[in-house]
Every structure is written in structure tokens, then in C-alpha cells.
Amino acid sequence: MIRHPIVAGQFYPESASQLKAMIELLVDEKVEKQEVIGLVSPHAGYVYSGPVAGATLSKVKFTDTFIVMGPTHTGMGKPFSIMTEGVWKTPLGEVEIDSELGKQILAKSSHLEEDHIAHLYEHSIEVQLPFLQYFKPDIRIVPIVLAYASGATYKEIGKDIAKAIKDLNRDAVIIASSDMTHYEPQKLAERKDTQAIEAILDLNEDELLKRVDELSISMCGCAPTVSLISAAKELGATQAELVRYQTSGDTTGDYTSVVGYAGIIIKKGEVSPLVRLAKETVETFVKEGKTPQPEELTPEMRERAGVFVSIHKFGELRGCIGTFEPTKKNVAEETIANAVSSATRDPRFPPIAPDELRDLSYSVDVLTEPEPVEGKDQLDPKKYGVIVECGFRKGLLLPDLEGVDTVDFQIDICRQKAGIIPDGPIKLYRFEVKRYK
């Protein structure tokens, strides 16, 4: 299958020499390259969005393969389509599809289907390719087009992409091809786009979906961006950076009706020493039956506090056990003990097996001392964890958990965990956490 260009001569020059000369003006060869997991890049005509795409890709340390996800503007073909064989042509030459990775993604996904029809006249992927070829002429791609569906579907697709990358132990960068607000006045477009960008920078795909819906943000690549965030977090992403934002008005001078363009990179941040300790503890214990000791105690390890260690596998909880109050002489020892318990003694799950270790992610919550509260009005599920006490029974729930948005829900979960009847008298305590990821 050869996919021929359909917007050459419209969105970008049809002549190879002119196209290369144009890209040279849009990129920065001197900027420091960064290892990224993925990025958001716009797909309009180069005179409009090229400066944003160029600035963003200039900061990326290239790998051999880019997974490029775009929305469907045509409605043709399968709703979730992937091509696993063939080449894409641009004026700069041919781009080969990475068949091995493409087929692994297809095998992992219950949503994606092999299909080239959806790609024939869809420009959102094509517009990215000359930039990729400019930096790396032998670049390979996996093209994916996503149609309208639920947020849960987009997140599952992202997690499946991450699984495929892990299974093959491959280095691949994921691009979500997206423009932002379409055809609204500059000030309004900026306000709306700021809300969407903030959610992306927080790596919060649910919040992005919520804001796009509630604020009617006409971000055409919301679906690919949600899948990107979901995949990136599975691959260890902890931070994102806005490289550049501008609108079509910055090119035309007409700010009455603009399209917004954002360039964002997503990358791994520096792993907290406590998270490193939890990970090392689990891996050493599962493989060797031993527990490591930290070579040096960092300041946060020297304190005494309750600690919870949470383990996730492909975004799903795999173990979480902790202590309300300190039981060891410091946070380091508390973390080691609870990491072992989370991996092997959580009654909800079987012990972690060695072949699972590469798929796990960790977080460590260090608790403040619980304080009693008089009523529910002193609680906030995003800020405070809660302890519900009835006699000798106690149930605890950490703060800022996905899907736990109300105090009543927090309390109900705590009652269930502790075996406290729904109408039984209770005492309430709140605490805060410092969460290390």
C-alpha cells in the first residue's frame, strides 16, 4: 500500500527543495534535544501552524519510530484505524510503516482495526511527516486515526499502545496531531485553549475531556491527545511542557476568527528517591526474597510518618498498603515495609510475579498526622484523606483519587473498608499527603 500525499501544494510546498527550505525557517537546530515520550503538534497549513510544530519537534530527541495519531476529518473508513504495512509518500520521499510495532499494537488493542481507507484523504497525519523526515530521513511511522467515541475507549487505546511498546522493548515517540479552538475571536480562543492546555500539562485526560465538553472547545485532536496522555503515563511520564502557543491571527493579523495551535512535549521527570526505593524494594524482594537498604537517607526519608505505597499495572491498582501513623524509625523503613506488603500481602490481589515487574508503576504517599474534624464541611476529597472510626474499626482513604469526587463517597468507601454499617456512628479524621511519583 502506497499512501500518496493529498495536501502537498496546499498545506505545504509541493516542491521538495521549497518544502525543505520552508522547514529550515520553522525549526531551531540549536535548541537542546530532550528525551520525550510524546508530544502534541498542530496540523494546519505550515504558514499558520508551522512555527509551533517546528519549535516543538526541534526539542525532541528522535528515535527510529513515531506513532502518529490523528483525528478523522473525513469520516471515511473504520472509526479506529491503523495501517501496519506500506509506505507514505511526501515530497521529501517515502516513509515506511513500522510493521512490527504496528502489528503488535493491533494485536493488543480491542478497538483498532487494520484499514487504509480512513487514511486516504486525512491530512492530520500527513502534515507531520515532512517535519519528521527533515530531522530523520529514514524515520518510520505507525499511523492511527481515531473517530468520536467515549473517553474510556481513548484511554484503553493509549494503554494498549503502551503495552505494545513495552512488550517489544522499543523506543518510540507518540504524536497526537491536533489543532485547538477553531474560528472564534482571539481572546475567547486563548481563554478556552488555556483551559485545555492546563489539563494536558497536568497529564489529566479526564479533566481535558470534561473541559472540552463543558467549554465547547473545538479541539479536533482531543481523542488522540487523550490516548497520548494515557499511553505516556503508562510509559512513565510525570511532566509536560508547553513549548509554544499561537493562533492563525498571528500570521494573518485578523483576530476576529482564529484557530489555536499548541505544541506540548510529555516526558519523564526525575524519579523521587522514595519512589526509587519502593521500586527497588519490590523488585529485589520479588526476585530474591530480600529487602534493600538505602545507601543514603535523603531529608524526606529521615522523618517519621505514616506511609502508603501504591502499585499500578497498566493504570489499574495492583496493590496498596500503608500505615496510618509511623511504626518504624523513619520514612525510609516505613516505605520498604509497605512496599513489600503492597506487592505480596494485599488481600485483594495475588502476590506480584517476576514477569510483571516491568509493567508496574509506583507512588508513595507520606501522611501528615491525622486530626479530628467536627463534620463533613471540613473535608475535601481532593485535598484531604479521611479516616472513619467506629469503636476499634478504622477505614482510611487517600486524597485525590480518580473517580472519588465527593466527601460522601469518600466516607462510604471508608465504611466499607472497615466493615462499619452505613448508619453507624462514626468519628472523622482528616490528613494531607505528600505524594511522590
Protein backbone atom coordinates (compact mmCIF):
# COMPACT_ATOMS: atom_id res chain seq x y z
CA MET A 1 0.00 0.00 0.00
CA ILE A 2 1.36 3.41 -1.02
CA ARG A 3 -0.36 6.38 0.56
CA HIS A 4 0.16 9.42 -1.69
CA PRO A 5 0.16 12.99 -0.33
CA ILE A 6 -3.16 14.83 -0.61
CA VAL A 7 -2.34 18.29 0.77
CA ALA A 8 1.08 18.87 -0.84
CA GLY A 9 0.85 22.21 -2.64
CA GLN A 10 -1.88 23.33 -0.23
CA PHE A 11 -0.76 22.90 3.39
CA TYR A 12 2.92 22.83 2.49
CA PRO A 13 5.02 23.23 -0.72
CA GLU A 14 4.84 20.50 -3.35
CA SER A 15 8.46 21.05 -4.36
CA ALA A 16 10.98 19.15 -2.23
CA SER A 17 13.51 22.00 -2.32
CA GLN A 18 10.90 24.60 -1.36
CA LEU A 19 9.49 22.39 1.35
CA LYS A 20 12.91 21.78 2.88
CA ALA A 21 13.74 25.49 2.71
CA MET A 22 10.47 26.35 4.44
CA ILE A 23 11.02 23.83 7.24
CA GLU A 24 14.54 25.20 7.78
CA LEU A 25 12.94 28.54 8.66
CA LEU A 26 10.49 26.93 11.09
CA VAL A 27 12.86 24.80 13.19
CA ASP A 28 15.63 25.59 15.63
CA GLU A 29 18.69 23.44 15.03
CA LYS A 30 20.49 24.81 18.10
CA VAL A 31 17.91 24.06 20.79
CA GLU A 32 18.77 21.33 23.28
CA LYS A 33 17.15 17.99 22.43
CA GLN A 34 15.13 16.19 25.09
CA GLU A 35 14.07 12.58 25.50
CA VAL A 36 10.29 12.68 25.25
CA ILE A 37 7.56 10.08 25.43
CA GLY A 38 5.19 12.04 23.26
CA LEU A 39 4.02 15.40 22.03
CA VAL A 40 1.03 17.38 20.81
CA SER A 41 1.65 19.04 17.46
CA PRO A 42 -0.73 21.02 15.18
CA HIS A 43 -1.60 20.07 11.62
CA ALA A 44 -2.73 23.21 9.79
CA GLY A 45 -1.02 24.83 6.83
CA TYR A 46 2.62 25.49 7.60
CA VAL A 47 2.24 29.27 7.27
CA TYR A 48 -0.20 29.11 10.21
CA SER A 49 0.88 26.29 12.50
CA GLY A 50 4.36 25.54 11.18
CA PRO A 51 6.17 27.74 13.73
CA VAL A 52 4.53 25.80 16.59
CA ALA A 53 5.17 22.36 15.07
CA GLY A 54 8.74 23.31 14.17
CA ALA A 55 9.56 24.66 17.64
CA THR A 56 8.09 21.58 19.30
CA LEU A 57 9.79 18.93 17.16
CA SER A 58 13.08 20.83 17.38
CA LYS A 59 13.22 19.92 21.09
CA VAL A 60 12.68 16.19 20.51
CA LYS A 61 15.50 13.65 20.56
CA PHE A 62 14.46 11.39 17.70
CA THR A 63 14.02 7.63 17.84
CA ASP A 64 13.56 5.34 14.84
CA THR A 65 9.76 5.24 15.04
CA PHE A 66 6.96 7.73 15.66
CA ILE A 67 3.41 6.61 16.37
CA VAL A 68 1.31 9.37 14.81
CA MET A 69 -2.32 9.60 15.89
CA GLY A 70 -4.70 11.97 14.19
CA PRO A 71 -8.43 12.68 14.30
CA THR A 72 -10.67 11.94 11.36
CA HIS A 73 -11.87 14.95 9.40
CA THR A 74 -13.40 12.88 6.60
CA GLY A 75 -15.42 10.19 8.42
CA MET A 76 -14.15 7.59 5.95
CA GLY A 77 -13.09 4.06 6.82
CA LYS A 78 -13.04 2.30 10.16
CA PRO A 79 -13.55 4.54 13.21
CA PHE A 80 -10.30 3.39 14.88
CA SER A 81 -7.96 2.55 12.03
CA ILE A 82 -4.32 1.58 11.94
CA MET A 83 -2.05 0.83 9.00
CA THR A 84 0.57 -1.83 9.69
CA GLU A 85 2.09 -2.18 6.22
CA GLY A 86 3.10 0.06 3.35
CA VAL A 87 4.69 3.48 2.84
CA TRP A 88 3.57 7.09 2.94
CA LYS A 89 4.92 9.45 0.30
CA THR A 90 5.70 13.15 0.71
CA PRO A 91 7.74 15.48 -1.50
CA LEU A 92 10.75 14.56 0.68
CA GLY A 93 10.48 10.84 -0.13
CA GLU A 94 8.90 7.72 1.30
CA VAL A 95 8.17 6.99 4.97
CA GLU A 96 7.99 3.29 5.79
CA ILE A 97 5.44 1.93 8.25
CA ASP A 98 6.98 0.11 11.22
CA SER A 99 5.13 -3.16 10.65
CA GLU A 100 6.43 -4.97 13.71
CA LEU A 101 5.27 -2.29 16.14
CA GLY A 102 2.07 -1.62 14.20
CA LYS A 103 1.06 -5.28 14.28
CA GLN A 104 1.88 -5.55 17.97
CA ILE A 105 -0.36 -2.54 18.71
CA LEU A 106 -3.12 -4.08 16.59
CA ALA A 107 -2.81 -7.39 18.42
CA LYS A 108 -3.04 -5.69 21.82
CA SER A 109 -5.99 -3.44 21.01
CA SER A 110 -9.63 -4.48 21.12
CA HIS A 111 -10.61 -1.26 19.32
CA LEU A 112 -8.15 -0.66 16.49
CA GLU A 113 -8.71 -2.27 13.10
CA GLU A 114 -6.46 -2.64 10.07
CA ASP A 115 -7.72 -0.13 7.50
CA HIS A 116 -6.24 2.22 4.91
CA ILE A 117 -9.45 3.88 3.71
CA ALA A 118 -9.61 6.18 6.73
CA HIS A 119 -6.12 7.44 5.88
CA LEU A 120 -6.54 8.15 2.17
CA TYR A 121 -7.77 11.74 2.44
CA GLU A 122 -6.98 12.51 6.08
CA HIS A 123 -4.39 15.29 6.41
CA SER A 124 -3.76 15.29 10.17
CA ILE A 125 -1.02 12.65 9.99
CA GLU A 126 0.42 13.63 6.62
CA VAL A 127 1.18 17.20 7.72
CA GLN A 128 3.50 15.91 10.48
CA LEU A 129 5.64 13.77 8.18
CA PRO A 130 7.83 16.33 6.32
CA PHE A 131 9.00 17.68 9.70
CA LEU A 132 9.90 14.15 10.80
CA GLN A 133 11.71 13.48 7.52
CA TYR A 134 13.62 16.73 7.80
CA PHE A 135 15.17 15.67 11.10
CA LYS A 136 15.49 11.96 10.26
CA PRO A 137 15.08 10.94 6.58
CA ASP A 138 14.76 7.22 7.42
CA ILE A 139 12.06 7.74 10.04
CA ARG A 140 9.36 5.06 10.34
CA ILE A 141 5.80 5.59 11.49
CA VAL A 142 2.71 3.82 12.79
CA PRO A 143 -0.32 5.83 11.56
CA ILE A 144 -3.54 5.72 13.59
CA VAL A 145 -6.80 7.61 13.02
CA LEU A 146 -9.37 7.96 15.82
CA ALA A 147 -13.03 8.86 15.40
CA TYR A 148 -15.54 10.01 18.02
CA ALA A 149 -16.05 7.66 20.99
CA SER A 150 -16.04 7.62 24.78
CA GLY A 151 -13.11 8.80 26.85
CA ALA A 152 -12.77 5.27 28.21
CA THR A 153 -12.16 3.98 24.68
CA TYR A 154 -9.46 6.56 24.01
CA LYS A 155 -7.72 5.70 27.29
CA GLU A 156 -7.83 1.98 26.53
CA ILE A 157 -6.27 2.60 23.13
CA GLY A 158 -3.50 4.59 24.79
CA LYS A 159 -2.80 1.87 27.33
CA ASP A 160 -2.73 -0.76 24.57
CA ILE A 161 -0.16 1.30 22.67
CA ALA A 162 1.97 1.48 25.82
CA LYS A 163 1.71 -2.29 26.32
CA ALA A 164 2.88 -2.92 22.76
CA ILE A 165 5.87 -0.60 23.18
CA LYS A 166 6.80 -2.35 26.44
CA ASP A 167 6.32 -5.84 25.03
CA LEU A 168 8.77 -5.12 22.21
CA ASN A 169 11.05 -3.07 24.47
CA ARG A 170 11.02 -0.38 21.80
CA ASP A 171 11.83 3.31 21.82
CA ALA A 172 9.01 5.14 20.06
CA VAL A 173 7.69 8.68 20.31
CA ILE A 174 3.92 9.23 20.19
CA ILE A 175 2.45 12.25 18.40
CA ALA A 176 -1.10 13.48 18.96
CA SER A 177 -1.90 15.62 15.93
CA SER A 178 -4.31 18.36 16.95
CA ASP A 179 -5.27 21.97 16.43
CA MET A 180 -7.00 23.78 19.28
CA THR A 181 -10.03 26.13 19.20
CA HIS A 182 -11.43 26.76 15.72
CA TYR A 183 -12.84 30.01 14.31
CA GLU A 184 -13.50 32.04 17.42
CA PRO A 185 -12.27 35.52 18.45
CA GLN A 186 -8.67 35.62 19.68
CA LYS A 187 -9.40 36.40 23.33
CA LEU A 188 -12.03 33.68 23.61
CA ALA A 189 -9.84 31.14 21.81
CA GLU A 190 -6.95 31.90 24.17
CA ARG A 191 -9.16 31.50 27.26
CA LYS A 192 -10.57 28.19 26.08
CA ASP A 193 -7.24 26.83 24.90
CA THR A 194 -5.59 27.77 28.19
CA GLN A 195 -8.08 25.53 29.99
CA ALA A 196 -7.36 22.58 27.69
CA ILE A 197 -3.59 23.13 27.78
CA GLU A 198 -3.58 23.21 31.60
CA ALA A 199 -5.31 19.81 31.70
CA ILE A 200 -2.75 18.38 29.26
CA LEU A 201 0.13 19.79 31.29
CA ASP A 202 -1.38 18.12 34.38
CA LEU A 203 -1.49 14.85 32.39
CA ASN A 204 -5.16 14.63 33.30
CA GLU A 205 -7.10 13.15 30.41
CA ASP A 206 -10.41 13.11 32.31
CA GLU A 207 -10.14 16.80 33.05
CA LEU A 208 -9.28 17.51 29.41
CA LEU A 209 -12.40 15.65 28.26
CA LYS A 210 -14.51 17.47 30.85
CA ARG A 211 -13.24 20.93 29.86
CA VAL A 212 -13.56 20.27 26.14
CA ASP A 213 -17.16 19.24 26.71
CA GLU A 214 -18.22 21.89 29.22
CA LEU A 215 -16.47 24.80 27.49
CA SER A 216 -17.28 23.63 23.94
CA ILE A 217 -13.61 23.68 22.96
CA SER A 218 -13.39 22.72 19.29
CA MET A 219 -10.10 20.86 19.69
CA CYS A 220 -10.18 18.45 16.77
CA GLY A 221 -7.48 16.12 18.14
CA CYS A 222 -8.89 15.68 21.63
CA ALA A 223 -9.17 11.91 21.07
CA PRO A 224 -5.52 11.40 20.05
CA THR A 225 -4.42 13.66 22.91
CA VAL A 226 -6.34 11.62 25.49
CA SER A 227 -4.82 8.42 24.11
CA LEU A 228 -1.38 10.05 24.18
CA ILE A 229 -1.68 11.08 27.83
CA SER A 230 -2.95 7.65 28.82
CA ALA A 231 -0.09 5.92 26.97
CA ALA A 232 2.51 8.36 28.26
CA LYS A 233 1.60 7.82 31.90
CA GLU A 234 1.87 4.05 31.42
CA LEU A 235 5.34 4.65 29.98
CA GLY A 236 6.46 6.69 33.00
CA ALA A 237 5.56 10.26 32.07
CA THR A 238 5.42 12.62 35.01
CA GLN A 239 5.54 16.06 33.43
CA ALA A 240 4.64 18.06 30.36
CA GLU A 241 5.87 21.35 28.94
CA LEU A 242 4.17 23.90 26.72
CA VAL A 243 6.71 24.75 24.03
CA ARG A 244 4.70 27.31 22.09
CA TYR A 245 1.16 28.58 21.56
CA GLN A 246 -0.12 30.92 18.89
CA THR A 247 -3.12 31.38 16.62
CA SER A 248 -3.73 31.88 12.94
CA GLY A 249 -4.25 35.55 13.77
CA ASP A 250 -0.54 35.86 14.49
CA THR A 251 0.01 35.08 10.80
CA THR A 252 -2.93 36.89 9.18
CA GLY A 253 -3.32 39.82 11.58
CA ASP A 254 -7.05 39.08 11.69
CA TYR A 255 -8.04 38.25 15.27
CA THR A 256 -11.81 38.18 14.76
CA SER A 257 -11.85 34.47 13.91
CA VAL A 258 -8.78 32.37 14.65
CA VAL A 259 -7.58 28.80 15.07
CA GLY A 260 -5.32 27.98 18.01
CA TYR A 261 -2.15 25.89 17.84
CA ALA A 262 -0.29 24.39 20.80
CA GLY A 263 2.97 22.47 20.90
CA ILE A 264 3.45 20.36 24.04
CA ILE A 265 6.05 17.75 24.94
CA ILE A 266 5.49 15.00 27.50
CA LYS A 267 8.44 13.43 29.26
CA LYS A 268 9.68 11.51 32.24
CA GLY A 269 10.62 13.66 35.19
CA GLU A 270 13.24 12.89 37.76
CA VAL A 271 12.03 9.99 39.86
CA SER A 272 11.69 10.71 43.57
CA PRO A 273 14.20 8.85 45.79
CA LEU A 274 11.25 7.43 47.75
CA VAL A 275 9.64 6.03 44.61
CA ARG A 276 13.00 4.65 43.53
CA LEU A 277 13.29 2.97 46.93
CA ALA A 278 9.80 1.45 46.66
CA LYS A 279 10.52 0.14 43.16
CA GLU A 280 13.91 -1.27 44.14
CA THR A 281 12.36 -2.89 47.21
CA VAL A 282 9.62 -4.65 45.27
CA GLU A 283 11.95 -5.83 42.51
CA THR A 284 14.58 -7.12 44.95
CA PHE A 285 12.02 -8.86 47.16
CA VAL A 286 10.13 -10.47 44.26
CA LYS A 287 13.30 -11.68 42.54
CA GLU A 288 15.50 -12.56 45.54
CA GLY A 289 13.31 -12.59 48.65
CA LYS A 290 15.47 -9.84 50.17
CA THR A 291 14.89 -6.18 51.05
CA PRO A 292 17.41 -3.48 50.14
CA GLN A 293 18.60 -0.68 52.36
CA PRO A 294 19.09 2.86 51.02
CA GLU A 295 22.73 3.86 50.78
CA GLU A 296 21.95 7.38 51.95
CA LEU A 297 18.88 8.83 53.64
CA THR A 298 17.53 11.90 51.84
CA PRO A 299 15.81 14.56 54.02
CA GLU A 300 12.29 13.23 53.33
CA MET A 301 13.44 9.71 54.31
CA ARG A 302 14.64 10.78 57.78
CA GLU A 303 11.23 11.90 59.06
CA ARG A 304 8.73 9.72 60.92
CA ALA A 305 5.29 9.47 59.33
CA GLY A 306 2.64 7.09 58.10
CA VAL A 307 3.31 5.93 54.54
CA PHE A 308 1.22 4.28 51.83
CA VAL A 309 2.82 2.58 48.83
CA SER A 310 0.58 2.20 45.76
CA ILE A 311 1.45 -0.04 42.84
CA HIS A 312 -0.32 0.18 39.47
CA LYS A 313 -0.18 -2.07 36.43
CA PHE A 314 -1.30 -0.52 33.15
CA GLY A 315 -3.14 2.15 35.11
CA GLU A 316 -5.06 -0.33 37.29
CA LEU A 317 -4.39 -0.76 41.01
CA ARG A 318 -2.16 -3.78 41.69
CA GLY A 319 -1.51 -3.26 45.38
CA CYS A 320 -1.82 -0.58 48.06
CA ILE A 321 -0.97 -0.99 51.73
CA GLY A 322 0.25 1.53 54.27
CA THR A 323 0.34 2.73 57.83
CA PHE A 324 -1.92 5.42 59.33
CA GLU A 325 0.84 6.51 61.71
CA PRO A 326 4.57 5.73 61.88
CA THR A 327 5.58 2.26 63.03
CA LYS A 328 9.25 2.43 62.03
CA LYS A 329 12.09 4.74 62.97
CA ASN A 330 11.94 6.68 59.67
CA VAL A 331 10.05 7.08 56.38
CA ALA A 332 12.64 5.00 54.51
CA GLU A 333 11.96 1.92 56.64
CA GLU A 334 8.22 2.62 56.51
CA THR A 335 8.40 2.70 52.71
CA ILE A 336 10.39 -0.54 52.48
CA ALA A 337 7.98 -2.43 54.76
CA ASN A 338 4.86 -1.16 53.00
CA ALA A 339 6.30 -1.72 49.52
CA VAL A 340 6.79 -5.40 50.36
CA SER A 341 3.28 -5.60 51.82
CA SER A 342 1.71 -3.89 48.80
CA ALA A 343 3.45 -6.30 46.45
CA THR A 344 2.80 -9.51 48.34
CA ARG A 345 0.16 -9.11 51.06
CA ASP A 346 -2.67 -7.03 49.67
CA PRO A 347 -5.63 -9.43 50.15
CA ARG A 348 -7.33 -8.11 47.01
CA PHE A 349 -4.56 -9.34 44.70
CA PRO A 350 -2.21 -12.30 44.27
CA PRO A 351 1.47 -11.61 45.01
CA ILE A 352 3.33 -9.86 42.20
CA ALA A 353 5.21 -12.23 39.91
CA PRO A 354 8.64 -11.52 38.38
CA ASP A 355 7.27 -11.22 34.85
CA GLU A 356 5.01 -8.34 35.96
CA LEU A 357 7.77 -6.09 37.26
CA ARG A 358 8.44 -4.24 34.01
CA ASP A 359 4.76 -3.23 33.77
CA LEU A 360 4.46 -1.62 37.21
CA SER A 361 4.43 1.99 38.31
CA TYR A 362 4.71 3.26 41.88
CA SER A 363 3.67 6.16 44.08
CA VAL A 364 4.49 6.85 47.73
CA ASP A 365 2.21 8.92 49.96
CA VAL A 366 3.69 10.35 53.15
CA LEU A 367 0.89 11.28 55.56
CA THR A 368 0.56 14.15 57.97
CA GLU A 369 -0.67 13.33 61.48
CA PRO A 370 -4.45 12.76 61.36
CA GLU A 371 -6.57 15.44 63.04
CA PRO A 372 -10.20 15.09 64.19
CA VAL A 373 -12.88 17.09 62.40
CA GLU A 374 -16.35 18.07 63.57
CA GLY A 375 -18.17 17.45 60.32
CA LYS A 376 -18.10 16.79 56.61
CA ASP A 377 -17.81 20.50 55.80
CA GLN A 378 -14.19 20.33 56.97
CA LEU A 379 -13.33 17.67 54.39
CA ASP A 380 -12.32 17.95 50.74
CA PRO A 381 -11.72 14.75 48.71
CA LYS A 382 -9.08 16.43 46.53
CA LYS A 383 -7.08 17.94 49.41
CA TYR A 384 -7.66 15.68 52.41
CA GLY A 385 -7.57 11.97 53.02
CA VAL A 386 -10.12 10.74 55.52
CA ILE A 387 -10.22 8.21 58.35
CA VAL A 388 -13.57 6.90 59.54
CA GLU A 389 -13.57 5.36 63.04
CA CYS A 390 -16.24 3.35 64.85
CA GLY A 391 -15.02 1.67 68.01
CA PHE A 392 -11.99 -0.43 67.11
CA ARG A 393 -12.79 -0.30 63.38
CA LYS A 394 -10.99 2.20 61.17
CA GLY A 395 -11.17 2.81 57.44
CA LEU A 396 -8.81 5.10 55.54
CA LEU A 397 -8.91 6.58 52.06
CA LEU A 398 -6.17 8.64 50.46
CA PRO A 399 -7.00 12.01 48.87
CA ASP A 400 -7.19 12.95 45.20
CA LEU A 401 -8.17 9.54 43.84
CA GLU A 402 -9.63 9.14 40.37
CA GLY A 403 -13.42 8.85 40.49
CA VAL A 404 -13.72 9.94 44.14
CA ASP A 405 -15.19 13.41 43.83
CA THR A 406 -17.39 13.83 46.91
CA VAL A 407 -16.96 13.64 50.68
CA ASP A 408 -19.92 11.28 50.99
CA PHE A 409 -18.32 8.85 48.56
CA GLN A 410 -15.05 9.05 50.50
CA ILE A 411 -16.83 8.21 53.73
CA ASP A 412 -18.87 5.38 52.17
CA ILE A 413 -15.69 3.74 50.87
CA CYS A 414 -14.05 4.04 54.29
CA ARG A 415 -17.10 2.47 55.96
CA GLN A 416 -16.98 -0.45 53.52
CA LYS A 417 -13.25 -0.99 54.01
CA ALA A 418 -13.62 -1.03 57.79
CA GLY A 419 -16.85 -3.04 57.88
CA ILE A 420 -18.79 -0.19 59.51
CA ILE A 421 -22.55 -0.31 58.92
CA PRO A 422 -23.95 2.55 56.78
CA ASP A 423 -25.80 4.32 59.61
CA GLY A 424 -23.37 3.54 62.40
CA PRO A 425 -21.99 6.44 64.49
CA ILE A 426 -18.53 7.49 63.36
CA LYS A 427 -15.67 9.79 64.18
CA LEU A 428 -13.95 11.57 61.31
CA TYR A 429 -10.29 12.45 60.93
CA ARG A 430 -8.52 14.18 58.07
CA PHE A 431 -4.92 14.21 56.92
CA GLU A 432 -2.90 15.51 53.99
CA VAL A 433 -0.29 13.67 51.95
CA LYS A 434 2.84 14.50 50.08
CA ARG A 435 2.60 12.30 47.00
CA TYR A 436 5.78 11.14 45.34
CA LYS A 437 5.61 9.62 41.83
